[in-house]
Amino acid sequence: MLRQIIEDENVSDSIDTGCRVSQRLREAWEALKWLLARNPEIGKGLGLGDRICIHKQSGSIIPMIPEITVLYEYDDTMVEIRAVKLTYEDI
């Protein structure tokens, strides 16, 4: 099942800012949204409800893509990304 992706405004702002640092971040972000739209169960549940999860996507030194960690909530029709953390130091 394909779910609609909704980004909170602070998430969109963080990604836009991150794209100024990493030219390939937008591609990695779109790939993560593609994955969550199709398989939101991939994240680790936080015990705050059945469908509130965290997921970490690995970064890459070349071409300087940060690690992306997202906090999201989902149901049968949508995934709402509530927070994002971009980590550059481990790449």
PDB file of N, CA and C in Angstrom:
ATOM      1  N   MET A   1       0.839  -1.185   0.000  1.00  0.00           N
ATOM      2  CA  MET A   1       0.000   0.000   0.000  1.00  0.00           C
ATOM      3  C   MET A   1       0.882   1.246   0.000  1.00  0.00           C
ATOM      4  N   LEU A   2       0.576   2.165  -0.853  1.00  0.00           N
ATOM      5  CA  LEU A   2       1.307   3.420  -0.952  1.00  0.00           C
ATOM      6  C   LEU A   2       0.620   4.472  -0.089  1.00  0.00           C
ATOM      7  N   ARG A   3       1.377   5.042   0.849  1.00  0.00           N
ATOM      8  CA  ARG A   3       0.836   6.059   1.751  1.00  0.00           C
ATOM      9  C   ARG A   3       1.313   7.447   1.337  1.00  0.00           C
ATOM     10  N   GLN A   4       0.503   8.447   1.637  1.00  0.00           N
ATOM     11  CA  GLN A   4       0.877   9.838   1.403  1.00  0.00           C
ATOM     12  C   GLN A   4       1.919  10.250   2.444  1.00  0.00           C
ATOM     13  N   ILE A   5       2.937  10.985   2.019  1.00  0.00           N
ATOM     14  CA  ILE A   5       3.954  11.505   2.925  1.00  0.00           C
ATOM     15  C   ILE A   5       3.628  12.960   3.249  1.00  0.00           C
ATOM     16  N   ILE A   6       3.602  13.275   4.539  1.00  0.00           N
ATOM     17  CA  ILE A   6       3.384  14.643   5.006  1.00  0.00           C
ATOM     18  C   ILE A   6       4.599  15.028   5.846  1.00  0.00           C
ATOM     19  N   GLU A   7       5.219  16.146   5.511  1.00  0.00           N
ATOM     20  CA  GLU A   7       6.361  16.651   6.276  1.00  0.00           C
ATOM     21  C   GLU A   7       5.898  17.820   7.130  1.00  0.00           C
ATOM     22  N   ASP A   8       6.206  17.785   8.423  1.00  0.00           N
ATOM     23  CA  ASP A   8       5.980  18.967   9.236  1.00  0.00           C
ATOM     24  C   ASP A   8       6.864  20.090   8.697  1.00  0.00           C
ATOM     25  N   GLU A   9       6.467  21.332   8.923  1.00  0.00           N
ATOM     26  CA  GLU A   9       7.188  22.477   8.373  1.00  0.00           C
ATOM     27  C   GLU A   9       8.650  22.514   8.833  1.00  0.00           C
ATOM     28  N   ASN A  10       8.887  22.173  10.104  1.00  0.00           N
ATOM     29  CA  ASN A  10      10.268  22.194  10.604  1.00  0.00           C
ATOM     30  C   ASN A  10      11.126  21.151   9.880  1.00  0.00           C
ATOM     31  N   VAL A  11      10.535  20.057   9.472  1.00  0.00           N
ATOM     32  CA  VAL A  11      11.255  19.024   8.726  1.00  0.00           C
ATOM     33  C   VAL A  11      11.646  19.559   7.350  1.00  0.00           C
ATOM     34  N   SER A  12      10.708  20.149   6.664  1.00  0.00           N
ATOM     35  CA  SER A  12      10.998  20.721   5.337  1.00  0.00           C
ATOM     36  C   SER A  12      12.086  21.777   5.424  1.00  0.00           C
ATOM     37  N   ASP A  13      12.022  22.620   6.455  1.00  0.00           N
ATOM     38  CA  ASP A  13      13.037  23.662   6.636  1.00  0.00           C
ATOM     39  C   ASP A  13      14.416  23.053   6.874  1.00  0.00           C
ATOM     40  N   SER A  14      14.490  22.003   7.685  1.00  0.00           N
ATOM     41  CA  SER A  14      15.771  21.349   7.966  1.00  0.00           C
ATOM     42  C   SER A  14      16.368  20.724   6.709  1.00  0.00           C
ATOM     43  N   ILE A  15      15.530  20.101   5.910  1.00  0.00           N
ATOM     44  CA  ILE A  15      16.014  19.491   4.668  1.00  0.00           C
ATOM     45  C   ILE A  15      16.489  20.571   3.695  1.00  0.00           C
ATOM     46  N   ASP A  16      15.737  21.649   3.568  1.00  0.00           N
ATOM     47  CA  ASP A  16      16.150  22.741   2.677  1.00  0.00           C
ATOM     48  C   ASP A  16      17.496  23.313   3.106  1.00  0.00           C
ATOM     49  N   THR A  17      17.683  23.498   4.403  1.00  0.00           N
ATOM     50  CA  THR A  17      18.954  23.997   4.927  1.00  0.00           C
ATOM     51  C   THR A  17      20.074  22.990   4.667  1.00  0.00           C
ATOM     52  N   GLY A  18      19.805  21.722   4.915  1.00  0.00           N
ATOM     53  CA  GLY A  18      20.804  20.676   4.689  1.00  0.00           C
ATOM     54  C   GLY A  18      21.228  20.564   3.241  1.00  0.00           C
ATOM     55  N   CYS A  19      20.329  20.852   2.329  1.00  0.00           N
ATOM     56  CA  CYS A  19      20.657  20.765   0.902  1.00  0.00           C
ATOM     57  C   CYS A  19      21.683  21.818   0.490  1.00  0.00           C
ATOM     58  N   ARG A  20      21.825  22.864   1.280  1.00  0.00           N
ATOM     59  CA  ARG A  20      22.866  23.867   0.999  1.00  0.00           C
ATOM     60  C   ARG A  20      24.254  23.320   1.328  1.00  0.00           C
ATOM     61  N   VAL A  21      24.304  22.351   2.245  1.00  0.00           N
ATOM     62  CA  VAL A  21      25.570  21.738   2.658  1.00  0.00           C
ATOM     63  C   VAL A  21      25.895  20.525   1.797  1.00  0.00           C
ATOM     64  N   SER A  22      24.891  19.718   1.515  1.00  0.00           N
ATOM     65  CA  SER A  22      25.072  18.476   0.775  1.00  0.00           C
ATOM     66  C   SER A  22      24.210  18.491  -0.480  1.00  0.00           C
ATOM     67  N   GLN A  23      24.857  18.527  -1.625  1.00  0.00           N
ATOM     68  CA  GLN A  23      24.127  18.579  -2.892  1.00  0.00           C
ATOM     69  C   GLN A  23      23.292  17.324  -3.141  1.00  0.00           C
ATOM     70  N   ARG A  24      23.685  16.198  -2.569  1.00  0.00           N
ATOM     71  CA  ARG A  24      22.983  14.935  -2.822  1.00  0.00           C
ATOM     72  C   ARG A  24      21.937  14.608  -1.747  1.00  0.00           C
ATOM     73  N   LEU A  25      21.803  15.463  -0.753  1.00  0.00           N
ATOM     74  CA  LEU A  25      20.830  15.209   0.310  1.00  0.00           C
ATOM     75  C   LEU A  25      19.412  15.060  -0.244  1.00  0.00           C
ATOM     76  N   ARG A  26      19.041  15.878  -1.187  1.00  0.00           N
ATOM     77  CA  ARG A  26      17.670  15.822  -1.724  1.00  0.00           C
ATOM     78  C   ARG A  26      17.364  14.425  -2.277  1.00  0.00           C
ATOM     79  N   GLU A  27      18.316  13.822  -2.973  1.00  0.00           N
ATOM     80  CA  GLU A  27      18.115  12.471  -3.510  1.00  0.00           C
ATOM     81  C   GLU A  27      17.935  11.455  -2.380  1.00  0.00           C
ATOM     82  N   ALA A  28      18.774  11.555  -1.359  1.00  0.00           N
ATOM     83  CA  ALA A  28      18.674  10.633  -0.225  1.00  0.00           C
ATOM     84  C   ALA A  28      17.345  10.825   0.503  1.00  0.00           C
ATOM     85  N   TRP A  29      16.904  12.065   0.633  1.00  0.00           N
ATOM     86  CA  TRP A  29      15.637  12.364   1.300  1.00  0.00           C
ATOM     87  C   TRP A  29      14.463  11.787   0.511  1.00  0.00           C
ATOM     88  N   GLU A  30      14.477  11.971  -0.782  1.00  0.00           N
ATOM     89  CA  GLU A  30      13.397  11.429  -1.616  1.00  0.00           C
ATOM     90  C   GLU A  30      13.375   9.901  -1.538  1.00  0.00           C
ATOM     91  N   ALA A  31      14.549   9.276  -1.483  1.00  0.00           N
ATOM     92  CA  ALA A  31      14.615   7.818  -1.354  1.00  0.00           C
ATOM     93  C   ALA A  31      14.028   7.359  -0.017  1.00  0.00           C
ATOM     94  N   LEU A  32      14.316   8.085   1.049  1.00  0.00           N
ATOM     95  CA  LEU A  32      13.765   7.730   2.362  1.00  0.00           C
ATOM     96  C   LEU A  32      12.250   7.882   2.373  1.00  0.00           C
ATOM     97  N   LYS A  33      11.745   8.943   1.791  1.00  0.00           N
ATOM     98  CA  LYS A  33      10.286   9.129   1.722  1.00  0.00           C
ATOM     99  C   LYS A  33       9.638   8.025   0.880  1.00  0.00           C
ATOM    100  N   TRP A  34      10.292   7.634  -0.207  1.00  0.00           N
ATOM    101  CA  TRP A  34       9.791   6.549  -1.046  1.00  0.00           C
ATOM    102  C   TRP A  34       9.659   5.276  -0.210  1.00  0.00           C
ATOM    103  N   LEU A  35      10.698   4.979   0.572  1.00  0.00           N
ATOM    104  CA  LEU A  35      10.692   3.786   1.414  1.00  0.00           C
ATOM    105  C   LEU A  35       9.574   3.841   2.464  1.00  0.00           C
ATOM    106  N   LEU A  36       9.460   4.957   3.152  1.00  0.00           N
ATOM    107  CA  LEU A  36       8.440   5.078   4.202  1.00  0.00           C
ATOM    108  C   LEU A  36       7.024   5.030   3.639  1.00  0.00           C
ATOM    109  N   ALA A  37       6.824   5.542   2.458  1.00  0.00           N
ATOM    110  CA  ALA A  37       5.493   5.500   1.840  1.00  0.00           C
ATOM    111  C   ALA A  37       5.057   4.068   1.558  1.00  0.00           C
ATOM    112  N   ARG A  38       6.014   3.203   1.334  1.00  0.00           N
ATOM    113  CA  ARG A  38       5.719   1.816   0.994  1.00  0.00           C
ATOM    114  C   ARG A  38       5.880   0.843   2.156  1.00  0.00           C
ATOM    115  N   ASN A  39       6.720   1.201   3.130  1.00  0.00           N
ATOM    116  CA  ASN A  39       7.001   0.274   4.224  1.00  0.00           C
ATOM    117  C   ASN A  39       7.318   1.029   5.524  1.00  0.00           C
ATOM    118  N   PRO A  40       6.345   1.711   6.103  1.00  0.00           N
ATOM    119  CA  PRO A  40       6.616   2.463   7.329  1.00  0.00           C
ATOM    120  C   PRO A  40       6.926   1.565   8.526  1.00  0.00           C
ATOM    121  N   GLU A  41       6.618   0.296   8.405  1.00  0.00           N
ATOM    122  CA  GLU A  41       6.899  -0.648   9.489  1.00  0.00           C
ATOM    123  C   GLU A  41       8.397  -0.880   9.687  1.00  0.00           C
ATOM    124  N   ILE A  42       9.213  -0.369   8.773  1.00  0.00           N
ATOM    125  CA  ILE A  42      10.662  -0.552   8.861  1.00  0.00           C
ATOM    126  C   ILE A  42      11.254   0.138  10.088  1.00  0.00           C
ATOM    127  N   GLY A  43      10.610   1.180  10.569  1.00  0.00           N
ATOM    128  CA  GLY A  43      11.125   1.922  11.719  1.00  0.00           C
ATOM    129  C   GLY A  43      10.931   1.171  13.026  1.00  0.00           C
ATOM    130  N   LYS A  44      11.652   1.622  14.030  1.00  0.00           N
ATOM    131  CA  LYS A  44      11.555   1.032  15.363  1.00  0.00           C
ATOM    132  C   LYS A  44      10.469   1.762  16.143  1.00  0.00           C
ATOM    133  N   GLY A  45       9.494   0.995  16.640  1.00  0.00           N
ATOM    134  CA  GLY A  45       8.430   1.580  17.442  1.00  0.00           C
ATOM    135  C   GLY A  45       8.975   2.124  18.752  1.00  0.00           C
ATOM    136  N   LEU A  46       8.395   3.212  19.220  1.00  0.00           N
ATOM    137  CA  LEU A  46       8.868   3.863  20.437  1.00  0.00           C
ATOM    138  C   LEU A  46       8.024   3.540  21.661  1.00  0.00           C
ATOM    139  N   GLY A  47       6.998   2.722  21.503  1.00  0.00           N
ATOM    140  CA  GLY A  47       6.142   2.389  22.632  1.00  0.00           C
ATOM    141  C   GLY A  47       5.211   3.521  23.025  1.00  0.00           C
ATOM    142  N   LEU A  48       5.072   4.512  22.154  1.00  0.00           N
ATOM    143  CA  LEU A  48       4.201   5.660  22.421  1.00  0.00           C
ATOM    144  C   LEU A  48       2.900   5.541  21.634  1.00  0.00           C
ATOM    145  N   GLY A  49       2.590   4.382  21.235  1.00  0.00           N
ATOM    146  CA  GLY A  49       1.472   4.110  20.342  1.00  0.00           C
ATOM    147  C   GLY A  49       1.974   3.114  19.325  1.00  0.00           C
ATOM    148  N   ASP A  50       1.070   2.437  18.716  1.00  0.00           N
ATOM    149  CA  ASP A  50       1.466   1.383  17.791  1.00  0.00           C
ATOM    150  C   ASP A  50       2.257   1.881  16.594  1.00  0.00           C
ATOM    151  N   ARG A  51       2.043   3.108  16.211  1.00  0.00           N
ATOM    152  CA  ARG A  51       2.585   3.541  14.927  1.00  0.00           C
ATOM    153  C   ARG A  51       3.396   4.836  15.003  1.00  0.00           C
ATOM    154  N   ILE A  52       4.097   5.035  16.088  1.00  0.00           N
ATOM    155  CA  ILE A  52       5.053   6.134  16.204  1.00  0.00           C
ATOM    156  C   ILE A  52       6.434   5.499  16.206  1.00  0.00           C
ATOM    157  N   CYS A  53       7.244   5.864  15.229  1.00  0.00           N
ATOM    158  CA  CYS A  53       8.508   5.161  14.996  1.00  0.00           C
ATOM    159  C   CYS A  53       9.660   6.124  14.750  1.00  0.00           C
ATOM    160  N   ILE A  54      10.847   5.549  14.837  1.00  0.00           N
ATOM    161  CA  ILE A  54      12.073   6.243  14.469  1.00  0.00           C
ATOM    162  C   ILE A  54      12.812   5.349  13.473  1.00  0.00           C
ATOM    163  N   HIS A  55      13.429   5.983  12.494  1.00  0.00           N
ATOM    164  CA  HIS A  55      14.202   5.235  11.498  1.00  0.00           C
ATOM    165  C   HIS A  55      15.458   6.022  11.160  1.00  0.00           C
ATOM    166  N   LYS A  56      16.564   5.311  11.015  1.00  0.00           N
ATOM    167  CA  LYS A  56      17.845   5.936  10.686  1.00  0.00           C
ATOM    168  C   LYS A  56      18.330   5.395   9.351  1.00  0.00           C
ATOM    169  N   GLN A  57      18.625   6.303   8.444  1.00  0.00           N
ATOM    170  CA  GLN A  57      19.183   5.944   7.139  1.00  0.00           C
ATOM    171  C   GLN A  57      20.659   6.330   7.146  1.00  0.00           C
ATOM    172  N   SER A  58      21.513   5.397   6.835  1.00  0.00           N
ATOM    173  CA  SER A  58      22.956   5.643   6.854  1.00  0.00           C
ATOM    174  C   SER A  58      23.359   6.717   5.865  1.00  0.00           C
ATOM    175  N   GLY A  59      24.422   7.428   6.216  1.00  0.00           N
ATOM    176  CA  GLY A  59      24.994   8.425   5.328  1.00  0.00           C
ATOM    177  C   GLY A  59      26.139   7.819   4.525  1.00  0.00           C
ATOM    178  N   SER A  60      26.822   8.683   3.788  1.00  0.00           N
ATOM    179  CA  SER A  60      27.946   8.243   2.960  1.00  0.00           C
ATOM    180  C   SER A  60      28.980   9.365   2.862  1.00  0.00           C
ATOM    181  N   ILE A  61      30.238   9.009   3.058  1.00  0.00           N
ATOM    182  CA  ILE A  61      31.298  10.012   2.956  1.00  0.00           C
ATOM    183  C   ILE A  61      31.337  10.604   1.552  1.00  0.00           C
ATOM    184  N   ILE A  62      31.274   9.733   0.574  1.00  0.00           N
ATOM    185  CA  ILE A  62      31.245  10.187  -0.815  1.00  0.00           C
ATOM    186  C   ILE A  62      29.884   9.791  -1.358  1.00  0.00           C
ATOM    187  N   PRO A  63      29.052  10.697  -1.700  1.00  0.00           N
ATOM    188  CA  PRO A  63      29.223  12.107  -1.993  1.00  0.00           C
ATOM    189  C   PRO A  63      28.741  13.034  -0.866  1.00  0.00           C
ATOM    190  N   MET A  64      29.140  12.828   0.349  1.00  0.00           N
ATOM    191  CA  MET A  64      28.813  13.646   1.517  1.00  0.00           C
ATOM    192  C   MET A  64      27.299  13.734   1.750  1.00  0.00           C
ATOM    193  N   ILE A  65      26.710  12.584   1.970  1.00  0.00           N
ATOM    194  CA  ILE A  65      25.291  12.507   2.323  1.00  0.00           C
ATOM    195  C   ILE A  65      25.221  12.241   3.827  1.00  0.00           C
ATOM    196  N   PRO A  66      24.489  13.061   4.566  1.00  0.00           N
ATOM    197  CA  PRO A  66      24.430  12.861   6.013  1.00  0.00           C
ATOM    198  C   PRO A  66      23.578  11.648   6.389  1.00  0.00           C
ATOM    199  N   GLU A  67      23.803  11.158   7.590  1.00  0.00           N
ATOM    200  CA  GLU A  67      22.889  10.179   8.169  1.00  0.00           C
ATOM    201  C   GLU A  67      21.584  10.919   8.440  1.00  0.00           C
ATOM    202  N   ILE A  68      20.463  10.299   8.112  1.00  0.00           N
ATOM    203  CA  ILE A  68      19.154  10.930   8.294  1.00  0.00           C
ATOM    204  C   ILE A  68      18.361  10.097   9.295  1.00  0.00           C
ATOM    205  N   THR A  69      17.972  10.732  10.391  1.00  0.00           N
ATOM    206  CA  THR A  69      17.132  10.080  11.391  1.00  0.00           C
ATOM    207  C   THR A  69      15.792  10.796  11.411  1.00  0.00           C
ATOM    208  N   VAL A  70      14.708  10.030  11.310  1.00  0.00           N
ATOM    209  CA  VAL A  70      13.375  10.633  11.299  1.00  0.00           C
ATOM    210  C   VAL A  70      12.492  10.034  12.391  1.00  0.00           C
ATOM    211  N   LEU A  71      11.648  10.871  12.938  1.00  0.00           N
ATOM    212  CA  LEU A  71      10.579  10.477  13.853  1.00  0.00           C
ATOM    213  C   LEU A  71       9.285  10.672  13.081  1.00  0.00           C
ATOM    214  N   TYR A  72       8.480   9.627  13.007  1.00  0.00           N
ATOM    215  CA  TYR A  72       7.264   9.728  12.206  1.00  0.00           C
ATOM    216  C   TYR A  72       6.133   8.922  12.831  1.00  0.00           C
ATOM    217  N   GLU A  73       4.951   9.250  12.373  1.00  0.00           N
ATOM    218  CA  GLU A  73       3.725   8.549  12.777  1.00  0.00           C
ATOM    219  C   GLU A  73       3.010   8.132  11.497  1.00  0.00           C
ATOM    220  N   TYR A  74       2.403   6.959  11.518  1.00  0.00           N
ATOM    221  CA  TYR A  74       1.727   6.521  10.297  1.00  0.00           C
ATOM    222  C   TYR A  74       0.412   5.818  10.614  1.00  0.00           C
ATOM    223  N   ASP A  75      -0.425   5.788   9.582  1.00  0.00           N
ATOM    224  CA  ASP A  75      -1.653   4.996   9.636  1.00  0.00           C
ATOM    225  C   ASP A  75      -1.809   4.325   8.271  1.00  0.00           C
ATOM    226  N   ASP A  76      -2.994   3.877   7.951  1.00  0.00           N
ATOM    227  CA  ASP A  76      -3.197   3.130   6.710  1.00  0.00           C
ATOM    228  C   ASP A  76      -3.107   3.980   5.447  1.00  0.00           C
ATOM    229  N   THR A  77      -3.176   5.313   5.592  1.00  0.00           N
ATOM    230  CA  THR A  77      -3.189   6.166   4.407  1.00  0.00           C
ATOM    231  C   THR A  77      -2.048   7.169   4.333  1.00  0.00           C
ATOM    232  N   MET A  78      -1.364   7.441   5.451  1.00  0.00           N
ATOM    233  CA  MET A  78      -0.344   8.479   5.427  1.00  0.00           C
ATOM    234  C   MET A  78       0.796   8.181   6.395  1.00  0.00           C
ATOM    235  N   VAL A  79       1.920   8.857   6.127  1.00  0.00           N
ATOM    236  CA  VAL A  79       3.075   8.889   7.023  1.00  0.00           C
ATOM    237  C   VAL A  79       3.363  10.360   7.277  1.00  0.00           C
ATOM    238  N   GLU A  80       3.333  10.767   8.546  1.00  0.00           N
ATOM    239  CA  GLU A  80       3.654  12.152   8.877  1.00  0.00           C
ATOM    240  C   GLU A  80       5.024  12.190   9.538  1.00  0.00           C
ATOM    241  N   ILE A  81       5.955  12.839   8.873  1.00  0.00           N
ATOM    242  CA  ILE A  81       7.318  12.972   9.398  1.00  0.00           C
ATOM    243  C   ILE A  81       7.324  14.179  10.320  1.00  0.00           C
ATOM    244  N   ARG A  82       7.532  13.921  11.615  1.00  0.00           N
ATOM    245  CA  ARG A  82       7.431  14.950  12.645  1.00  0.00           C
ATOM    246  C   ARG A  82       8.746  15.650  12.936  1.00  0.00           C
ATOM    247  N   ALA A  83       9.861  14.931  12.800  1.00  0.00           N
ATOM    248  CA  ALA A  83      11.172  15.512  13.111  1.00  0.00           C
ATOM    249  C   ALA A  83      12.238  14.820  12.284  1.00  0.00           C
ATOM    250  N   VAL A  84      13.319  15.540  12.025  1.00  0.00           N
ATOM    251  CA  VAL A  84      14.456  14.989  11.295  1.00  0.00           C
ATOM    252  C   VAL A  84      15.743  15.493  11.938  1.00  0.00           C
ATOM    253  N   LYS A  85      16.737  14.629  11.940  1.00  0.00           N
ATOM    254  CA  LYS A  85      18.075  15.001  12.406  1.00  0.00           C
ATOM    255  C   LYS A  85      19.063  14.575  11.327  1.00  0.00           C
ATOM    256  N   LEU A  86      19.888  15.505  10.900  1.00  0.00           N
ATOM    257  CA  LEU A  86      20.916  15.235   9.903  1.00  0.00           C
ATOM    258  C   LEU A  86      22.259  15.205  10.619  1.00  0.00           C
ATOM    259  N   THR A  87      23.014  14.111  10.461  1.00  0.00           N
ATOM    260  CA  THR A  87      24.292  13.958  11.143  1.00  0.00           C
ATOM    261  C   THR A  87      25.394  13.844  10.104  1.00  0.00           C
ATOM    262  N   TYR A  88      26.263  14.836  10.095  1.00  0.00           N
ATOM    263  CA  TYR A  88      27.365  14.868   9.140  1.00  0.00           C
ATOM    264  C   TYR A  88      28.660  14.321   9.732  1.00  0.00           C
ATOM    265  N   GLU A  89      28.788  14.343  11.046  1.00  0.00           N
ATOM    266  CA  GLU A  89      30.071  14.025  11.677  1.00  0.00           C
ATOM    267  C   GLU A  89      30.520  12.579  11.504  1.00  0.00           C
ATOM    268  N   ASP A  90      29.596  11.662  11.288  1.00  0.00           N
ATOM    269  CA  ASP A  90      29.961  10.252  11.151  1.00  0.00           C
ATOM    270  C   ASP A  90      30.278   9.844   9.724  1.00  0.00           C
ATOM    271  N   ILE A  91      30.203  10.790   8.797  1.00  0.00           N
ATOM    272  CA  ILE A  91      30.454  10.435   7.398  1.00  0.00           C
ATOM    273  C   ILE A  91      31.791  10.959   6.936  1.00  0.00           C
TER     274      ILE A  91
END
